[in-house]
């Protein structure tokens, strides 16, 4: 994938302009969506803890986790 650098058009169309501290999350979500689209993958909002719990449910707790 090419380098993604947000420009004025991006900010005008994807950010509401209210909270400056939220700009990073708008950028991150746009990149996340582009990567999923390019890779033909579905987006998931699972947390790392969700994934770990699922892994333990399927495979059991590993000895090194004790």
N, C-alpha and C. Protein backbone atom coordinates (compact mmCIF):
# COMPACT_ATOMS: atom_id res chain seq x y z
N UNK A 1 0.84 -1.18 0.00
CA UNK A 1 0.00 0.00 0.00
C UNK A 1 0.89 1.24 0.00
N UNK A 2 0.43 2.30 -0.62
CA UNK A 2 1.21 3.54 -0.62
C UNK A 2 1.15 4.22 0.75
N UNK A 3 2.05 5.13 0.96
CA UNK A 3 2.06 5.93 2.18
C UNK A 3 0.80 6.79 2.20
N UNK A 4 0.13 6.81 3.33
CA UNK A 4 -1.10 7.60 3.47
C UNK A 4 -0.80 8.84 4.29
N UNK A 5 -0.85 9.99 3.67
CA UNK A 5 -0.63 11.26 4.36
C UNK A 5 -1.90 12.09 4.26
N UNK A 6 -2.56 12.35 5.38
CA UNK A 6 -3.81 13.11 5.32
C UNK A 6 -3.57 14.54 4.83
N UNK A 7 -4.50 15.01 4.03
CA UNK A 7 -4.41 16.38 3.52
C UNK A 7 -5.66 17.15 3.94
N UNK A 8 -5.80 18.37 3.47
CA UNK A 8 -6.95 19.20 3.85
C UNK A 8 -8.28 18.56 3.45
N UNK A 9 -8.32 17.93 2.28
CA UNK A 9 -9.54 17.26 1.83
C UNK A 9 -9.94 16.16 2.82
N UNK A 10 -8.97 15.37 3.26
CA UNK A 10 -9.24 14.30 4.22
C UNK A 10 -9.83 14.87 5.51
N UNK A 11 -9.18 15.88 6.08
CA UNK A 11 -9.66 16.43 7.34
C UNK A 11 -11.04 17.07 7.17
N UNK A 12 -11.26 17.72 6.06
CA UNK A 12 -12.55 18.38 5.81
C UNK A 12 -13.68 17.35 5.72
N UNK A 13 -13.39 16.17 5.18
CA UNK A 13 -14.44 15.18 4.94
C UNK A 13 -14.54 14.07 5.99
N UNK A 14 -13.56 13.97 6.89
CA UNK A 14 -13.58 12.88 7.86
C UNK A 14 -13.51 13.31 9.31
N UNK A 15 -13.21 14.54 9.57
CA UNK A 15 -13.06 15.00 10.95
C UNK A 15 -14.03 16.14 11.19
N UNK A 16 -14.71 16.12 12.33
CA UNK A 16 -15.70 17.16 12.61
C UNK A 16 -15.08 18.48 13.04
N UNK A 17 -13.78 18.49 13.31
CA UNK A 17 -13.09 19.73 13.64
C UNK A 17 -13.28 20.21 15.06
N UNK A 18 -13.96 19.44 15.89
CA UNK A 18 -14.26 19.89 17.25
C UNK A 18 -13.14 19.62 18.25
N UNK A 19 -12.65 18.40 18.28
CA UNK A 19 -11.67 18.02 19.30
C UNK A 19 -10.34 17.66 18.64
N UNK A 20 -9.37 18.52 18.79
CA UNK A 20 -8.04 18.35 18.18
C UNK A 20 -7.38 17.05 18.63
N UNK A 21 -7.65 16.61 19.86
CA UNK A 21 -7.01 15.40 20.38
C UNK A 21 -7.56 14.13 19.73
N UNK A 22 -8.66 14.22 19.00
CA UNK A 22 -9.25 13.06 18.35
C UNK A 22 -8.76 12.87 16.92
N UNK A 23 -7.93 13.77 16.41
CA UNK A 23 -7.46 13.65 15.03
C UNK A 23 -6.73 12.34 14.79
N UNK A 24 -5.94 11.90 15.74
CA UNK A 24 -5.19 10.66 15.55
C UNK A 24 -6.12 9.48 15.35
N UNK A 25 -7.27 9.45 16.07
CA UNK A 25 -8.17 8.31 15.95
C UNK A 25 -8.90 8.31 14.60
N UNK A 26 -9.17 9.49 14.05
CA UNK A 26 -9.79 9.59 12.72
C UNK A 26 -8.81 9.06 11.68
N UNK A 27 -7.56 9.46 11.79
CA UNK A 27 -6.51 8.99 10.88
C UNK A 27 -6.33 7.47 11.00
N UNK A 28 -6.25 6.97 12.23
CA UNK A 28 -6.05 5.54 12.47
C UNK A 28 -7.20 4.72 11.91
N UNK A 29 -8.41 5.17 12.10
CA UNK A 29 -9.57 4.42 11.59
C UNK A 29 -9.60 4.40 10.07
N UNK A 30 -9.22 5.50 9.44
CA UNK A 30 -9.18 5.55 7.97
C UNK A 30 -8.13 4.57 7.43
N UNK A 31 -6.97 4.50 8.06
CA UNK A 31 -5.92 3.58 7.63
C UNK A 31 -6.36 2.15 7.88
N UNK A 32 -6.97 1.90 9.02
CA UNK A 32 -7.47 0.56 9.36
C UNK A 32 -8.48 0.08 8.32
N UNK A 33 -9.41 0.94 7.96
CA UNK A 33 -10.42 0.58 6.96
C UNK A 33 -9.79 0.34 5.60
N UNK A 34 -8.82 1.16 5.23
CA UNK A 34 -8.15 0.98 3.93
C UNK A 34 -7.38 -0.33 3.89
N UNK A 35 -6.72 -0.69 4.99
CA UNK A 35 -5.96 -1.94 5.04
C UNK A 35 -6.90 -3.14 4.96
N UNK A 36 -8.01 -3.09 5.66
CA UNK A 36 -8.98 -4.18 5.61
C UNK A 36 -9.57 -4.32 4.21
N UNK A 37 -9.88 -3.20 3.60
CA UNK A 37 -10.46 -3.22 2.26
C UNK A 37 -9.46 -3.78 1.25
N UNK A 38 -8.23 -3.35 1.33
CA UNK A 38 -7.19 -3.80 0.41
C UNK A 38 -6.91 -5.29 0.57
N UNK A 39 -6.98 -5.79 1.78
CA UNK A 39 -6.70 -7.19 2.05
C UNK A 39 -7.93 -8.08 2.01
N UNK A 40 -9.08 -7.50 1.63
CA UNK A 40 -10.34 -8.24 1.60
C UNK A 40 -10.64 -8.91 2.94
N UNK A 41 -10.44 -8.16 4.02
CA UNK A 41 -10.68 -8.67 5.37
C UNK A 41 -11.83 -7.92 6.01
N UNK A 42 -12.48 -8.58 6.97
CA UNK A 42 -13.54 -7.93 7.74
C UNK A 42 -12.90 -7.23 8.94
N UNK A 43 -13.46 -6.10 9.32
CA UNK A 43 -12.98 -5.41 10.51
C UNK A 43 -13.52 -6.10 11.76
N UNK A 44 -12.73 -6.13 12.80
CA UNK A 44 -13.12 -6.71 14.07
C UNK A 44 -12.78 -5.72 15.18
N UNK A 45 -13.68 -5.59 16.13
CA UNK A 45 -13.44 -4.71 17.27
C UNK A 45 -13.06 -5.50 18.52
N UNK A 46 -12.61 -6.75 18.32
CA UNK A 46 -12.17 -7.58 19.44
C UNK A 46 -10.92 -6.99 20.06
N UNK A 47 -10.86 -7.07 21.37
CA UNK A 47 -9.67 -6.60 22.08
C UNK A 47 -8.67 -7.74 22.18
N UNK A 48 -7.47 -7.43 22.55
CA UNK A 48 -6.44 -8.45 22.75
C UNK A 48 -6.89 -9.42 23.84
N UNK A 49 -7.53 -8.91 24.87
CA UNK A 49 -8.02 -9.77 25.95
C UNK A 49 -9.10 -10.73 25.43
N UNK A 50 -10.00 -10.24 24.56
CA UNK A 50 -11.01 -11.11 23.95
C UNK A 50 -10.34 -12.26 23.20
N UNK A 51 -9.32 -11.93 22.43
CA UNK A 51 -8.62 -12.94 21.64
C UNK A 51 -7.91 -13.94 22.54
N UNK A 52 -7.31 -13.47 23.63
CA UNK A 52 -6.62 -14.36 24.56
C UNK A 52 -7.62 -15.31 25.23
N UNK A 53 -8.78 -14.78 25.64
CA UNK A 53 -9.80 -15.61 26.27
C UNK A 53 -10.31 -16.67 25.29
N UNK A 54 -10.50 -16.30 24.04
CA UNK A 54 -10.93 -17.25 23.02
C UNK A 54 -9.89 -18.35 22.83
N UNK A 55 -8.62 -17.94 22.75
CA UNK A 55 -7.54 -18.90 22.58
C UNK A 55 -7.50 -19.88 23.74
N UNK A 56 -7.66 -19.39 24.97
CA UNK A 56 -7.67 -20.26 26.15
C UNK A 56 -8.87 -21.19 26.13
N UNK A 57 -10.01 -20.71 25.67
CA UNK A 57 -11.20 -21.54 25.58
C UNK A 57 -11.00 -22.69 24.61
N UNK A 58 -10.39 -22.39 23.47
CA UNK A 58 -10.18 -23.41 22.44
C UNK A 58 -9.02 -24.33 22.79
N UNK A 59 -7.90 -23.79 23.17
CA UNK A 59 -6.67 -24.58 23.37
C UNK A 59 -6.36 -24.89 24.83
N UNK A 60 -7.04 -24.28 25.75
CA UNK A 60 -6.74 -24.46 27.15
C UNK A 60 -5.61 -23.53 27.57
N UNK A 61 -5.41 -23.42 28.85
CA UNK A 61 -4.37 -22.54 29.36
C UNK A 61 -3.01 -23.21 29.20
N UNK A 62 -2.03 -22.47 28.69
CA UNK A 62 -0.71 -23.07 28.48
C UNK A 62 0.06 -23.15 29.79
N UNK A 63 1.05 -24.03 29.85
CA UNK A 63 1.85 -24.21 31.06
C UNK A 63 2.62 -22.96 31.42
N UNK A 64 3.05 -22.20 30.41
CA UNK A 64 3.82 -21.01 30.73
C UNK A 64 2.97 -19.88 31.30
N UNK A 65 1.62 -20.00 31.23
CA UNK A 65 0.73 -19.01 31.81
C UNK A 65 0.57 -19.18 33.31
N UNK A 66 0.98 -20.33 33.86
CA UNK A 66 0.81 -20.60 35.30
C UNK A 66 1.74 -19.79 36.14
